Amino acid sequence: MAEIKDPENTILMELKNGTVVIELLPDVAPKHVERMKELARSGQYDNVAFHRVIDGFMAQTGDVQHGDMEDGFNLSRAGTGGSDLPDVPAEFSKIPHARGSLGAARSMNPNSANSQFFINFKDNDFLNGQYTVYGQVIEGMEHVDAITRGEPPANPDRMISVKVAADA
């Protein structure tokens, strides 16, 4: 496994083919990092579908309200919800939306991020300064590349479990 420098700010995301290790960026986007850790620690990301996966672009997940494939899952609603916590204000930075970067999904309102996020399949520079970047895949990108495509996918993949490395 990749060397984990800061277990408190590292996410272990279990997918069907293996573990994705994500280094969070608390110095860049502290509110987004805290939200991800809070939802991971409460188990809310477990079994949540990848509801929007666009080849050559990104894989989106994190709808803890409608995306849990074990609890009242409705594919047509996945991607429309968030957590019961307040939205997180934008934390834009100079960090690029490079391959493997983690971005906060939101509505047209830049301050509407909540629980949903996406992982970039490639460098998506057109997103720079428009969406908050708060993590980077440091191992397991091949597992992200293998996520079933679709908007939504007919048979979506899921995050089996999401944990903070310090707790694993």
Protein backbone atom coordinates (compact mmCIF):
# COMPACT_ATOMS: atom_id res chain seq x y z
CA MET A 1 0.00 0.00 0.00
CA ALA A 2 1.05 3.60 -0.60
CA GLU A 3 2.95 5.32 2.17
CA ILE A 4 0.38 7.16 4.26
CA LYS A 5 2.02 10.31 5.62
CA ASP A 6 -0.99 11.64 7.54
CA PRO A 7 -3.51 8.91 8.49
CA GLU A 8 -5.93 11.50 9.94
CA ASN A 9 -6.17 13.12 6.49
CA THR A 10 -6.18 10.01 4.31
CA ILE A 11 -9.29 8.20 3.05
CA LEU A 12 -9.45 4.47 2.27
CA MET A 13 -12.26 3.87 -0.23
CA GLU A 14 -13.07 0.23 -0.87
CA LEU A 15 -14.36 -0.45 -4.40
CA LYS A 16 -15.27 -3.77 -6.06
CA ASN A 17 -11.73 -4.28 -7.41
CA GLY A 18 -9.69 -2.94 -4.49
CA THR A 19 -8.80 0.00 -2.29
CA VAL A 20 -8.42 3.60 -3.45
CA VAL A 21 -6.16 5.70 -1.19
CA ILE A 22 -6.99 9.41 -1.17
CA GLU A 23 -4.75 12.01 0.42
CA LEU A 24 -6.91 14.88 1.67
CA LEU A 25 -5.76 18.51 1.50
CA PRO A 26 -6.69 20.13 4.84
CA ASP A 27 -4.40 23.12 4.22
CA VAL A 28 -6.23 23.85 0.95
CA ALA A 29 -9.88 23.10 1.79
CA PRO A 30 -10.28 22.47 5.54
CA LYS A 31 -14.11 22.60 5.60
CA HIS A 32 -14.47 20.08 2.75
CA VAL A 33 -11.90 17.76 4.34
CA GLU A 34 -13.72 17.90 7.68
CA ARG A 35 -17.06 17.14 6.00
CA MET A 36 -15.67 14.11 4.18
CA LYS A 37 -14.12 12.74 7.37
CA GLU A 38 -17.33 13.34 9.34
CA LEU A 39 -19.47 11.48 6.78
CA ALA A 40 -16.91 8.67 6.45
CA ARG A 41 -16.66 8.23 10.21
CA SER A 42 -20.45 8.03 10.56
CA GLY A 43 -20.62 5.36 7.82
CA GLN A 44 -22.80 7.49 5.56
CA TYR A 45 -20.64 6.95 2.44
CA ASP A 46 -20.78 3.14 2.75
CA ASN A 47 -22.72 1.48 -0.12
CA VAL A 48 -23.30 4.80 -1.93
CA ALA A 49 -23.59 4.53 -5.72
CA PHE A 50 -21.47 6.18 -8.39
CA HIS A 51 -24.52 7.79 -10.02
CA ARG A 52 -22.80 9.85 -12.74
CA VAL A 53 -19.76 8.38 -14.48
CA ILE A 54 -18.68 10.04 -17.72
CA ASP A 55 -15.94 8.36 -19.75
CA GLY A 56 -12.93 10.64 -20.20
CA PHE A 57 -14.24 13.05 -17.56
CA MET A 58 -15.08 11.93 -14.00
CA ALA A 59 -16.92 9.58 -11.61
CA GLN A 60 -19.42 11.23 -9.22
CA THR A 61 -20.75 9.77 -5.97
CA GLY A 62 -21.53 10.78 -2.40
CA ASP A 63 -25.31 11.26 -2.38
CA VAL A 64 -25.80 9.92 1.15
CA GLN A 65 -29.53 10.79 1.05
CA HIS A 66 -30.62 8.90 -2.12
CA GLY A 67 -27.52 6.95 -3.18
CA ASP A 68 -27.24 4.26 -0.47
CA MET A 69 -27.74 1.03 -2.43
CA GLU A 70 -28.64 -0.86 0.79
CA ASP A 71 -31.23 1.58 2.16
CA GLY A 72 -34.13 2.88 0.08
CA PHE A 73 -32.06 3.20 -3.10
CA ASN A 74 -33.78 4.89 -6.02
CA LEU A 75 -31.53 5.25 -9.07
CA SER A 76 -33.67 8.05 -10.52
CA ARG A 77 -33.15 10.16 -7.37
CA ALA A 78 -29.44 9.35 -6.86
CA GLY A 79 -27.46 12.54 -7.32
CA THR A 80 -30.24 14.85 -6.14
CA GLY A 81 -29.50 14.75 -2.41
CA GLY A 82 -26.93 15.44 0.24
CA SER A 83 -26.46 14.98 3.95
CA ASP A 84 -28.56 16.54 6.70
CA LEU A 85 -25.59 18.85 7.48
CA PRO A 86 -25.41 22.44 6.19
CA ASP A 87 -23.77 23.12 2.82
CA VAL A 88 -20.05 23.85 2.72
CA PRO A 89 -18.83 27.19 1.27
CA ALA A 90 -16.49 27.10 -1.73
CA GLU A 91 -12.77 26.81 -0.96
CA PHE A 92 -11.30 27.52 -4.40
CA SER A 93 -7.53 27.28 -4.80
CA LYS A 94 -4.79 27.09 -7.40
CA ILE A 95 -4.73 23.26 -7.11
CA PRO A 96 -5.65 21.95 -10.59
CA HIS A 97 -8.36 19.41 -11.39
CA ALA A 98 -5.72 16.88 -12.44
CA ARG A 99 -6.20 13.16 -13.02
CA GLY A 100 -7.13 11.55 -9.70
CA SER A 101 -8.07 14.79 -7.96
CA LEU A 102 -11.15 14.88 -5.74
CA GLY A 103 -13.58 17.71 -6.41
CA ALA A 104 -16.65 18.88 -4.52
CA ALA A 105 -19.86 18.45 -6.52
CA ARG A 106 -22.36 21.29 -6.20
CA SER A 107 -25.28 23.04 -7.89
CA MET A 108 -24.87 26.31 -9.81
CA ASN A 109 -24.33 28.01 -6.43
CA PRO A 110 -20.59 27.76 -5.62
CA ASN A 111 -21.43 27.52 -1.90
CA SER A 112 -23.77 24.52 -2.24
CA ALA A 113 -21.34 21.59 -1.83
CA ASN A 114 -22.54 19.08 0.75
CA SER A 115 -21.70 15.37 0.54
CA GLN A 116 -21.25 14.65 -3.17
CA PHE A 117 -17.86 14.58 -4.84
CA PHE A 118 -16.16 13.44 -8.01
CA ILE A 119 -12.83 11.92 -9.01
CA ASN A 120 -11.33 13.17 -12.28
CA PHE A 121 -10.39 10.50 -14.85
CA LYS A 122 -8.09 12.98 -16.61
CA ASP A 123 -6.80 16.53 -16.26
CA ASN A 124 -9.94 18.71 -16.44
CA ASP A 125 -8.40 22.19 -16.37
CA PHE A 126 -11.68 23.84 -17.40
CA LEU A 127 -12.92 23.11 -13.84
CA ASN A 128 -10.01 24.98 -12.20
CA GLY A 129 -11.24 27.77 -9.93
CA GLN A 130 -14.86 26.64 -10.41
CA TYR A 131 -15.02 23.64 -8.06
CA THR A 132 -13.19 22.99 -4.80
CA VAL A 133 -10.33 20.44 -4.98
CA TYR A 134 -9.77 18.74 -1.62
CA GLY A 135 -7.99 15.46 -2.25
CA GLN A 136 -5.80 13.41 -4.56
CA VAL A 137 -5.80 9.67 -5.31
CA ILE A 138 -2.32 8.39 -4.42
CA GLU A 139 -3.02 4.70 -5.03
CA GLY A 140 -5.70 2.61 -6.71
CA MET A 141 -6.60 4.90 -9.63
CA GLU A 142 -6.93 1.75 -11.76
CA HIS A 143 -9.96 0.85 -9.57
CA VAL A 144 -11.51 4.27 -10.25
CA ASP A 145 -10.87 3.79 -13.98
CA ALA A 146 -12.84 0.51 -13.80
CA ILE A 147 -16.07 2.11 -12.43
CA THR A 148 -19.11 1.37 -14.62
CA ARG A 149 -19.99 4.31 -16.90
CA GLY A 150 -23.38 5.97 -17.32
CA GLU A 151 -25.57 8.94 -16.36
CA PRO A 152 -26.77 7.01 -14.40
CA PRO A 153 -25.19 3.61 -15.03
CA ALA A 154 -27.82 0.86 -15.47
CA ASN A 155 -26.00 -1.20 -12.81
CA PRO A 156 -23.97 1.33 -10.82
CA ASP A 157 -20.87 0.53 -8.86
CA ARG A 158 -20.68 1.65 -5.23
CA MET A 159 -18.28 2.69 -2.55
CA ILE A 160 -18.35 -0.48 -0.44
CA SER A 161 -16.79 1.36 2.50
CA VAL A 162 -15.11 4.69 3.14
CA LYS A 163 -12.85 5.10 6.18
CA VAL A 164 -10.37 7.59 7.58
CA ALA A 165 -7.02 5.73 7.59
CA ALA A 166 -6.42 6.72 11.25
CA ASP A 167 -9.50 4.66 12.17
CA ALA A 168 -8.80 1.64 9.95
